[in-house]
Amino acid sequence: MNFRGVVISVGGSAEPVLKSLQHHQPEAVLFFVSSDSRSEVEEKILPALDRVLQYSFAETENPGDLAVCYEALRNKIPGWLSDRALQPQEVLVDITGGTKPMSAALALAGAELFSQFSYITGKERDKAGLGTVISGTEFVLFTSNPWDKLATRERDRSKWLFSESHAGAASRILLQAADKCSPSLRERLRTLGDLARLFAESDLFRFDNLQNEFNRIKPKLELIFSEDFSAFERLRALAMHWSEVQQEKNLKGKQVSATLLELLANAERRAKQGRYDDAIARLYRAAELFVQGELNRAFQAHLGKVKLENVPSEHREECQRRFKSIRGQEDVCLLGIETGFEALRFSPHPEQHEIAGRYDKLKNHLQKRNGSILAHGLRPASQEDFEWLWQSLLPIVGVADDTVPRWPKLDF
């Protein structure tokens, strides 16, 4: 493999550095040196090369201090890449020379950007095979970045992002990592990236075809979670839930219990992210959706639109007087949350009369939402606002906390 650039540590002996540069034939080199080994580059290495290089120096003030060495490299490498118009994939890191802290620092800093590493070793060493390489027996040993091969950083970051409900970002990182990690891990990360994307779609209330897409990767997920079957079962249950939400789009305001549960779960995720105005807006919609479902059961209403002909005859005149009608449709009342609860007093189903009185327990908390900057006010909602509304709303809409469809913890 040809590399346009090489980052190489220098110190101890010029021969391994020369061997590496003669082997790789780069256009540009960043020599990682100390004040002592810099002169070695200028006096022994550059004059011995058979070609002219574009070279630069990253110099450490203390070759015995790992942190100082690491900082020197981190400060130098980005500018060197830019100045030489190099992409990270065009660069090799050679960690042969220098002090042990210098080599360790180069490995640490290099692992953050580069995929390919090399080391000059030899077939023979002095001191009974335990000393330095004997001149003339050197050869180049290649190795790949273990963080790339195992996608360690990407998997850890994706796990954290998913736990914070940033499923879209987690999916993108996993899919990018799959393209550069080892073949044995690639299929797993692609599958998990696809799975995280389904969660991201659900978080945006886009449920079309999610069940089918889940079924497509289901056999691979069964293998991935073969030792954690309960996790797979939670995933399958969520996929079924997403399918139910999608089906409820066609119910035209009838009881939509899965959609209500999803609104609650989505609100809780927004609160976890500290987005309390967004969270409360979703709880408000959950309350509205609940009462719209009850209005449908009572009067065959569609999303709060009640035809007077569906109201018991003895209550029609009062409903027409109390509730606002739709312009141009005097026989249709358009009800919001408060008026929706109130209208249930006129339901032909006696058990719904009690539901009408629940609004009083909710009113003060909903007013907090109305004061939100995302509603009609100017103040941001607080964690306390969300928690009070959450605790008040769940019993009113008849939902137990443990039935909210929460995302599982996933270890990517």
Protein backbone atom coordinates (compact mmCIF):
# COMPACT_ATOMS: atom_id res chain seq x y z
CA MET A 1 0.00 0.00 0.00
CA ASN A 2 1.30 3.45 -0.92
CA PHE A 3 1.02 6.33 1.53
CA ARG A 4 1.41 9.96 0.60
CA GLY A 5 2.27 10.91 4.16
CA VAL A 6 4.09 9.36 7.12
CA VAL A 7 4.18 10.43 10.77
CA ILE A 8 7.23 8.87 12.37
CA SER A 9 8.90 9.11 15.76
CA VAL A 10 12.67 9.58 15.82
CA GLY A 11 15.24 8.74 18.48
CA GLY A 12 17.81 6.13 19.39
CA SER A 13 18.89 5.13 15.92
CA ALA A 14 18.51 6.54 12.42
CA GLU A 15 18.51 3.15 10.69
CA PRO A 16 14.89 2.09 11.47
CA VAL A 17 13.61 5.49 10.33
CA LEU A 18 15.57 5.25 7.09
CA LYS A 19 14.28 1.71 6.54
CA SER A 20 10.67 2.89 6.99
CA LEU A 21 10.97 5.92 4.70
CA GLN A 22 12.78 3.96 2.00
CA HIS A 23 10.09 1.30 2.15
CA HIS A 24 7.06 3.64 2.07
CA GLN A 25 8.47 6.37 -0.21
CA PRO A 26 6.10 9.10 1.07
CA GLU A 27 5.73 12.58 -0.38
CA ALA A 28 5.54 14.26 3.02
CA VAL A 29 6.83 13.34 6.48
CA LEU A 30 6.07 14.67 9.93
CA PHE A 31 9.04 13.80 12.15
CA PHE A 32 8.12 13.54 15.84
CA VAL A 33 11.31 14.53 17.61
CA SER A 34 12.89 15.80 20.78
CA SER A 35 15.49 18.57 20.73
CA ASP A 36 18.18 15.87 20.63
CA SER A 37 16.65 13.70 17.89
CA ARG A 38 15.87 16.67 15.63
CA SER A 39 19.55 16.99 14.82
CA GLU A 40 19.56 13.27 13.97
CA VAL A 41 16.97 13.91 11.28
CA GLU A 42 18.88 16.82 9.79
CA GLU A 43 22.35 15.25 9.99
CA LYS A 44 21.76 11.52 9.42
CA ILE A 45 18.32 10.79 7.97
CA LEU A 46 17.60 13.45 5.35
CA PRO A 47 21.09 13.31 3.75
CA ALA A 48 20.85 9.51 3.45
CA LEU A 49 17.55 9.54 1.53
CA ASP A 50 17.56 9.11 -2.24
CA ARG A 51 14.77 11.63 -2.79
CA VAL A 52 13.66 15.05 -1.57
CA LEU A 53 10.80 15.06 0.95
CA GLN A 54 8.39 17.68 2.16
CA TYR A 55 9.15 17.41 5.84
CA SER A 56 8.00 19.08 9.05
CA PHE A 57 8.71 18.64 12.74
CA ALA A 58 6.51 18.05 15.77
CA GLU A 59 8.87 18.63 18.67
CA THR A 60 8.25 17.68 22.29
CA GLU A 61 9.82 19.65 25.11
CA ASN A 62 9.96 16.60 27.36
CA PRO A 63 10.41 13.21 25.63
CA GLY A 64 9.97 11.45 28.98
CA ASP A 65 6.48 12.84 29.68
CA LEU A 66 3.60 11.04 27.93
CA ALA A 67 1.14 13.92 28.34
CA VAL A 68 3.59 16.52 26.98
CA CYS A 69 4.39 14.30 24.00
CA TYR A 70 0.72 13.68 23.27
CA GLU A 71 -0.11 17.39 23.44
CA ALA A 72 2.72 18.26 21.04
CA LEU A 73 1.34 15.82 18.46
CA ARG A 74 -2.29 16.87 18.88
CA ASN A 75 -1.30 20.48 18.33
CA LYS A 76 0.74 19.73 15.21
CA ILE A 77 -0.99 16.97 13.23
CA PRO A 78 -4.17 18.84 12.09
CA GLY A 79 -2.20 21.76 10.69
CA TRP A 80 0.29 19.43 8.99
CA LEU A 81 -2.53 17.55 7.27
CA SER A 82 -4.03 20.79 6.07
CA ASP A 83 -0.74 22.29 4.90
CA ARG A 84 0.15 19.16 2.92
CA ALA A 85 -3.41 18.60 1.64
CA LEU A 86 -3.44 15.09 3.09
CA GLN A 87 -6.44 12.98 4.05
CA PRO A 88 -6.09 10.73 7.14
CA GLN A 89 -6.47 7.58 5.03
CA GLU A 90 -3.41 8.65 3.02
CA VAL A 91 -1.16 8.68 6.09
CA LEU A 92 0.81 5.91 7.82
CA VAL A 93 1.99 6.15 11.43
CA ASP A 94 5.35 4.59 12.31
CA ILE A 95 6.00 4.23 16.04
CA THR A 96 9.49 2.70 15.90
CA GLY A 97 11.78 5.47 17.14
CA GLY A 98 11.94 7.83 20.09
CA THR A 99 11.51 7.26 23.79
CA LYS A 100 8.80 4.90 25.01
CA PRO A 101 6.58 7.87 26.03
CA MET A 102 7.07 9.34 22.53
CA SER A 103 6.02 6.07 20.86
CA ALA A 104 3.07 5.70 23.23
CA ALA A 105 1.97 9.29 22.58
CA LEU A 106 2.20 8.78 18.83
CA ALA A 107 0.10 5.63 19.09
CA LEU A 108 -2.53 7.46 21.15
CA ALA A 109 -2.67 10.56 18.97
CA GLY A 110 -2.45 8.54 15.76
CA ALA A 111 -5.27 6.21 16.75
CA GLU A 112 -7.65 9.18 16.83
CA LEU A 113 -7.16 9.92 13.12
CA PHE A 114 -5.31 7.22 11.25
CA SER A 115 -6.01 3.61 10.34
CA GLN A 116 -2.62 2.15 9.41
CA PHE A 117 0.46 1.76 11.60
CA SER A 118 3.88 0.23 11.09
CA TYR A 119 6.87 -0.74 13.21
CA ILE A 120 10.37 -1.64 12.18
CA THR A 121 11.43 -4.92 13.72
CA GLY A 122 14.14 -7.43 12.80
CA LYS A 123 14.83 -11.06 12.31
CA GLU A 124 17.76 -10.87 14.71
CA ARG A 125 18.50 -8.94 17.91
CA ASP A 126 21.56 -8.63 20.09
CA LYS A 127 21.69 -9.60 23.77
CA ALA A 128 20.44 -13.12 23.10
CA GLY A 129 17.42 -11.87 21.15
CA LEU A 130 16.32 -9.35 23.77
CA GLY A 131 18.21 -6.25 22.67
CA THR A 132 18.13 -3.94 19.66
CA VAL A 133 17.61 -5.12 16.12
CA ILE A 134 20.83 -6.12 14.35
CA SER A 135 21.52 -3.87 11.40
CA GLY A 136 20.65 -5.45 8.08
CA THR A 137 17.91 -7.71 9.45
CA GLU A 138 15.18 -5.04 9.67
CA PHE A 139 11.75 -5.42 8.08
CA VAL A 140 8.48 -3.51 8.22
CA LEU A 141 5.65 -4.89 10.35
CA PHE A 142 2.18 -3.52 9.54
CA THR A 143 -0.80 -3.36 11.86
CA SER A 144 -4.20 -1.69 11.73
CA ASN A 145 -5.66 0.69 14.25
CA PRO A 146 -7.36 -1.56 16.84
CA TRP A 147 -9.90 1.17 17.57
CA ASP A 148 -10.91 1.08 13.92
CA LYS A 149 -10.87 -2.69 13.71
CA LEU A 150 -13.08 -3.06 16.77
CA ALA A 151 -14.92 0.29 16.32
CA THR A 152 -14.38 0.83 20.03
CA ARG A 153 -14.96 4.57 20.12
CA GLU A 154 -17.92 4.46 17.75
CA ARG A 155 -19.67 1.68 19.64
CA ASP A 156 -19.21 3.40 23.00
CA ARG A 157 -20.41 6.73 21.64
CA SER A 158 -23.39 5.14 19.88
CA LYS A 159 -24.40 3.38 23.08
CA TRP A 160 -24.36 6.69 24.95
CA LEU A 161 -26.21 8.55 22.18
CA PHE A 162 -28.92 5.90 22.03
CA SER A 163 -29.33 5.95 25.80
CA GLU A 164 -29.91 9.71 25.50
CA SER A 165 -32.52 9.14 22.75
CA HIS A 166 -30.31 10.44 19.92
CA ALA A 167 -30.97 7.36 17.81
CA GLY A 168 -30.35 9.07 14.47
CA ALA A 169 -26.83 10.11 15.44
CA ALA A 170 -26.15 6.64 16.87
CA SER A 171 -27.27 5.05 13.61
CA ARG A 172 -25.02 7.25 11.47
CA ILE A 173 -21.96 6.53 13.62
CA LEU A 174 -22.56 2.77 13.56
CA LEU A 175 -23.03 2.68 9.80
CA GLN A 176 -19.88 4.75 9.23
CA ALA A 177 -17.92 2.51 11.59
CA ALA A 178 -19.13 -0.60 9.76
CA ASP A 179 -17.39 0.56 6.59
CA LYS A 180 -13.95 0.55 8.19
CA CYS A 181 -14.01 -2.13 10.91
CA SER A 182 -13.07 -5.78 10.60
CA PRO A 183 -15.27 -8.00 8.37
CA SER A 184 -16.33 -10.10 11.37
CA LEU A 185 -17.83 -7.02 13.03
CA ARG A 186 -19.12 -5.25 9.93
CA GLU A 187 -22.42 -7.09 9.56
CA ARG A 188 -23.25 -6.65 13.24
CA LEU A 189 -22.70 -2.88 13.14
CA ARG A 190 -24.68 -2.48 9.93
CA THR A 191 -27.59 -4.36 11.46
CA LEU A 192 -27.45 -2.33 14.69
CA GLY A 193 -27.14 0.86 12.64
CA ASP A 194 -30.29 -0.10 10.74
CA LEU A 195 -32.03 -0.87 14.02
CA ALA A 196 -31.09 2.51 15.51
CA ARG A 197 -32.43 4.18 12.37
CA LEU A 198 -35.84 2.56 12.99
CA PHE A 199 -35.86 4.07 16.47
CA ALA A 200 -34.94 7.45 14.99
CA GLU A 201 -37.86 7.22 12.57
CA SER A 202 -40.25 6.33 15.37
CA ASP A 203 -38.96 9.27 17.40
CA LEU A 204 -40.05 11.53 14.51
CA PHE A 205 -43.50 9.86 14.44
CA ARG A 206 -42.71 8.22 11.09
CA PHE A 207 -44.09 4.73 11.48
CA ASP A 208 -44.70 3.79 7.85
CA ASN A 209 -43.17 0.39 7.06
CA LEU A 210 -41.18 0.17 10.33
CA GLN A 211 -42.59 -3.28 11.08
CA ASN A 212 -41.54 -4.55 7.65
CA GLU A 213 -38.06 -3.07 8.01
CA PHE A 214 -37.73 -4.64 11.44
CA ASN A 215 -38.77 -8.02 10.02
CA ARG A 216 -36.07 -7.65 7.35
CA ILE A 217 -33.28 -7.48 9.94
CA LYS A 218 -35.03 -9.68 12.51
CA PRO A 219 -33.02 -12.89 11.76
CA LYS A 220 -29.74 -11.00 12.21
CA LEU A 221 -31.00 -9.42 15.43
CA GLU A 222 -31.88 -12.85 16.79
CA LEU A 223 -28.24 -13.86 16.30
CA ILE A 224 -26.86 -10.64 17.79
CA PHE A 225 -29.07 -10.95 20.87
CA SER A 226 -28.87 -14.73 21.12
CA GLU A 227 -27.42 -14.45 24.64
CA ASP A 228 -29.85 -11.73 25.71
CA PHE A 229 -33.20 -13.01 24.51
CA SER A 230 -35.13 -10.63 26.76
CA ALA A 231 -33.60 -7.68 24.89
CA PHE A 232 -34.70 -9.19 21.59
CA GLU A 233 -38.21 -9.72 22.94
CA ARG A 234 -38.39 -6.04 23.95
CA LEU A 235 -37.32 -5.05 20.45
CA ARG A 236 -39.95 -7.27 18.88
CA ALA A 237 -42.63 -5.86 21.20
CA LEU A 238 -41.65 -2.33 20.20
CA ALA A 239 -41.86 -3.22 16.51
CA MET A 240 -45.38 -4.54 17.08
CA HIS A 241 -46.22 -1.34 18.94
CA TRP A 242 -44.96 0.77 16.01
CA SER A 243 -47.18 -1.26 13.69
CA GLU A 244 -50.20 -0.58 15.91
CA VAL A 245 -49.47 3.16 15.88
CA GLN A 246 -49.32 3.10 12.09
CA GLN A 247 -52.61 1.21 11.84
CA GLU A 248 -54.31 3.72 14.14
CA LYS A 249 -53.76 6.49 11.59
CA ASN A 250 -56.76 5.08 9.73
CA LEU A 251 -59.10 5.02 12.72
CA LYS A 252 -60.21 8.66 12.24
CA GLY A 253 -60.26 9.67 15.87
CA LYS A 254 -61.46 6.44 17.42
CA GLN A 255 -59.69 4.98 20.44
CA VAL A 256 -55.98 5.21 19.60
CA SER A 257 -54.33 3.69 22.65
CA ALA A 258 -50.98 2.86 20.97
CA THR A 259 -50.61 6.42 19.65
CA LEU A 260 -51.39 7.81 23.09
CA LEU A 261 -48.74 5.59 24.65
CA GLU A 262 -46.22 6.66 22.00
CA LEU A 263 -46.88 10.34 22.70
CA LEU A 264 -46.20 9.73 26.37
CA ALA A 265 -43.00 7.82 25.65
CA ASN A 266 -41.83 10.52 23.24
CA ALA A 267 -42.55 13.22 25.82
CA GLU A 268 -40.52 11.36 28.42
CA ARG A 269 -37.56 11.12 26.01
CA ARG A 270 -37.70 14.88 25.34
CA ALA A 271 -37.74 15.54 29.09
CA LYS A 272 -34.72 13.28 29.54
CA GLN A 273 -32.90 15.50 27.05
CA GLY A 274 -33.89 18.59 29.04
CA ARG A 275 -36.30 19.74 26.31
CA TYR A 276 -39.17 20.39 28.68
CA ASP A 277 -41.17 22.68 26.39
CA ASP A 278 -41.19 19.97 23.72
CA ALA A 279 -42.04 17.35 26.35
CA ILE A 280 -44.99 19.30 27.72
CA ALA A 281 -46.29 19.97 24.21
CA ARG A 282 -46.44 16.21 23.67
CA LEU A 283 -48.22 15.66 26.99
CA TYR A 284 -50.74 18.32 26.01
CA ARG A 285 -51.37 16.50 22.74
CA ALA A 286 -51.71 13.21 24.65
CA ALA A 287 -54.42 14.76 26.83
CA GLU A 288 -56.15 16.12 23.73
CA LEU A 289 -55.90 12.77 21.94
CA PHE A 290 -57.41 11.00 24.93
CA VAL A 291 -60.42 13.27 25.05
CA GLN A 292 -60.84 13.06 21.26
CA GLY A 293 -61.01 9.28 21.59
CA GLU A 294 -63.67 9.59 24.29
CA LEU A 295 -65.63 12.06 22.13
CA ASN A 296 -65.54 9.57 19.30
CA ARG A 297 -66.94 6.87 21.57
CA ALA A 298 -69.63 9.22 22.81
CA PHE A 299 -70.63 11.06 19.61
CA GLN A 300 -68.72 9.43 16.71
CA ALA A 301 -66.65 12.63 16.62
CA HIS A 302 -63.59 12.91 14.38
CA LEU A 303 -60.66 14.68 16.11
CA GLY A 304 -62.93 16.75 18.30
CA LYS A 305 -65.53 17.61 15.63
CA VAL A 306 -68.95 16.72 17.05
CA LYS A 307 -72.03 16.68 14.86
CA LEU A 308 -75.05 17.85 16.82
CA GLU A 309 -77.14 15.11 15.27
CA ASN A 310 -75.02 12.61 17.23
CA VAL A 311 -75.67 14.33 20.55
CA PRO A 312 -78.68 13.04 22.52
CA SER A 313 -81.62 15.20 21.50
CA GLU A 314 -82.23 16.53 25.01
CA HIS A 315 -78.71 18.05 25.06
CA ARG A 316 -78.33 19.41 21.52
CA GLU A 317 -79.56 22.91 22.19
CA GLU A 318 -77.30 23.30 25.24
CA CYS A 319 -74.28 21.96 23.33
CA GLN A 320 -74.94 24.38 20.48
CA ARG A 321 -75.14 27.25 22.96
CA ARG A 322 -72.02 26.27 24.95
CA PHE A 323 -69.61 25.16 22.27
CA LYS A 324 -68.11 26.94 19.30
CA SER A 325 -69.25 25.70 15.91
CA ILE A 326 -67.17 25.46 12.76
CA ARG A 327 -67.63 28.43 10.45
CA GLY A 328 -70.05 27.45 7.70
CA GLN A 329 -71.08 24.31 9.58
CA GLU A 330 -73.40 25.44 12.34
CA ASP A 331 -74.35 21.85 13.09
CA VAL A 332 -70.74 20.84 13.94
CA CYS A 333 -69.02 21.82 17.19
CA LEU A 334 -65.21 21.97 17.33
CA LEU A 335 -64.01 20.99 20.80
CA GLY A 336 -60.63 21.42 22.44
CA ILE A 337 -59.36 19.81 25.63
CA GLU A 338 -61.44 21.77 28.15
CA THR A 339 -64.65 21.79 26.11
CA GLY A 340 -64.04 18.18 25.09
CA PHE A 341 -64.02 17.03 28.71
CA GLU A 342 -67.06 19.20 29.41
CA ALA A 343 -69.02 17.74 26.48
CA LEU A 344 -68.64 14.24 27.92
CA ARG A 345 -71.27 15.24 30.50
CA PHE A 346 -73.77 14.88 27.65
CA SER A 347 -72.51 11.46 26.56
CA PRO A 348 -75.11 8.74 26.14
CA HIS A 349 -72.71 6.48 28.05
CA PRO A 350 -73.12 7.18 31.78
CA GLU A 351 -69.61 5.93 32.64
CA GLN A 352 -68.17 8.83 30.63
CA HIS A 353 -69.81 11.44 32.85
CA GLU A 354 -67.12 10.81 35.47
CA ILE A 355 -64.39 11.45 32.87
CA ALA A 356 -65.78 14.94 32.33
CA GLY A 357 -64.82 15.86 35.88
CA ARG A 358 -61.17 14.85 35.45
CA TYR A 359 -60.30 18.10 33.73
CA ASP A 360 -60.33 19.97 37.03
CA LYS A 361 -57.35 17.89 38.19
CA LEU A 362 -55.49 18.71 34.99
CA LYS A 363 -56.37 22.35 34.42
CA ASN A 364 -53.63 24.04 36.46
CA HIS A 365 -50.90 21.90 34.92
CA LEU A 366 -52.12 22.51 31.38
CA GLN A 367 -52.02 26.24 32.07
CA LYS A 368 -48.28 25.82 32.67
CA ARG A 369 -48.08 24.50 29.13
CA ASN A 370 -50.03 27.49 27.83
CA GLY A 371 -47.47 29.76 29.46
CA SER A 372 -44.61 27.98 27.67
CA ILE A 373 -42.69 29.88 25.02
CA LEU A 374 -43.68 27.14 22.55
CA ALA A 375 -47.36 27.72 23.30
CA HIS A 376 -48.77 31.15 24.18
CA GLY A 377 -46.32 32.54 26.73
CA LEU A 378 -42.73 33.64 27.08
CA ARG A 379 -41.22 31.45 29.78
CA PRO A 380 -39.43 28.13 29.27
CA ALA A 381 -40.97 25.09 30.86
CA SER A 382 -39.13 23.47 33.74
CA GLN A 383 -38.46 19.92 34.86
CA GLU A 384 -40.95 20.49 37.69
CA ASP A 385 -43.63 21.54 35.18
CA PHE A 386 -43.12 18.34 33.25
CA GLU A 387 -43.09 16.06 36.29
CA TRP A 388 -46.28 17.55 37.74
CA LEU A 389 -48.11 17.26 34.43
CA TRP A 390 -46.82 13.71 33.90
CA GLN A 391 -47.94 12.55 37.33
CA SER A 392 -51.34 14.18 36.93
CA LEU A 393 -51.98 13.10 33.36
CA LEU A 394 -51.28 9.36 33.49
CA PRO A 395 -54.13 8.41 35.88
CA ILE A 396 -56.50 10.79 34.05
CA VAL A 397 -55.92 9.09 30.70
CA GLY A 398 -55.88 5.65 32.34
CA VAL A 399 -52.26 4.72 31.66
CA ALA A 400 -50.04 2.90 34.14
CA ASP A 401 -46.43 4.10 34.19
CA ASP A 402 -45.04 0.63 33.50
CA THR A 403 -47.05 0.31 30.26
CA VAL A 404 -45.29 3.26 28.58
CA PRO A 405 -43.24 1.75 25.69
CA ARG A 406 -39.73 2.80 26.68
CA TRP A 407 -36.65 2.08 24.59
CA PRO A 408 -34.51 -0.78 25.86
CA LYS A 409 -30.89 -0.39 26.89
CA LEU A 410 -28.73 -1.61 24.03
CA ASP A 411 -25.05 -2.48 24.14
CA PHE A 412 -23.71 -1.90 20.65
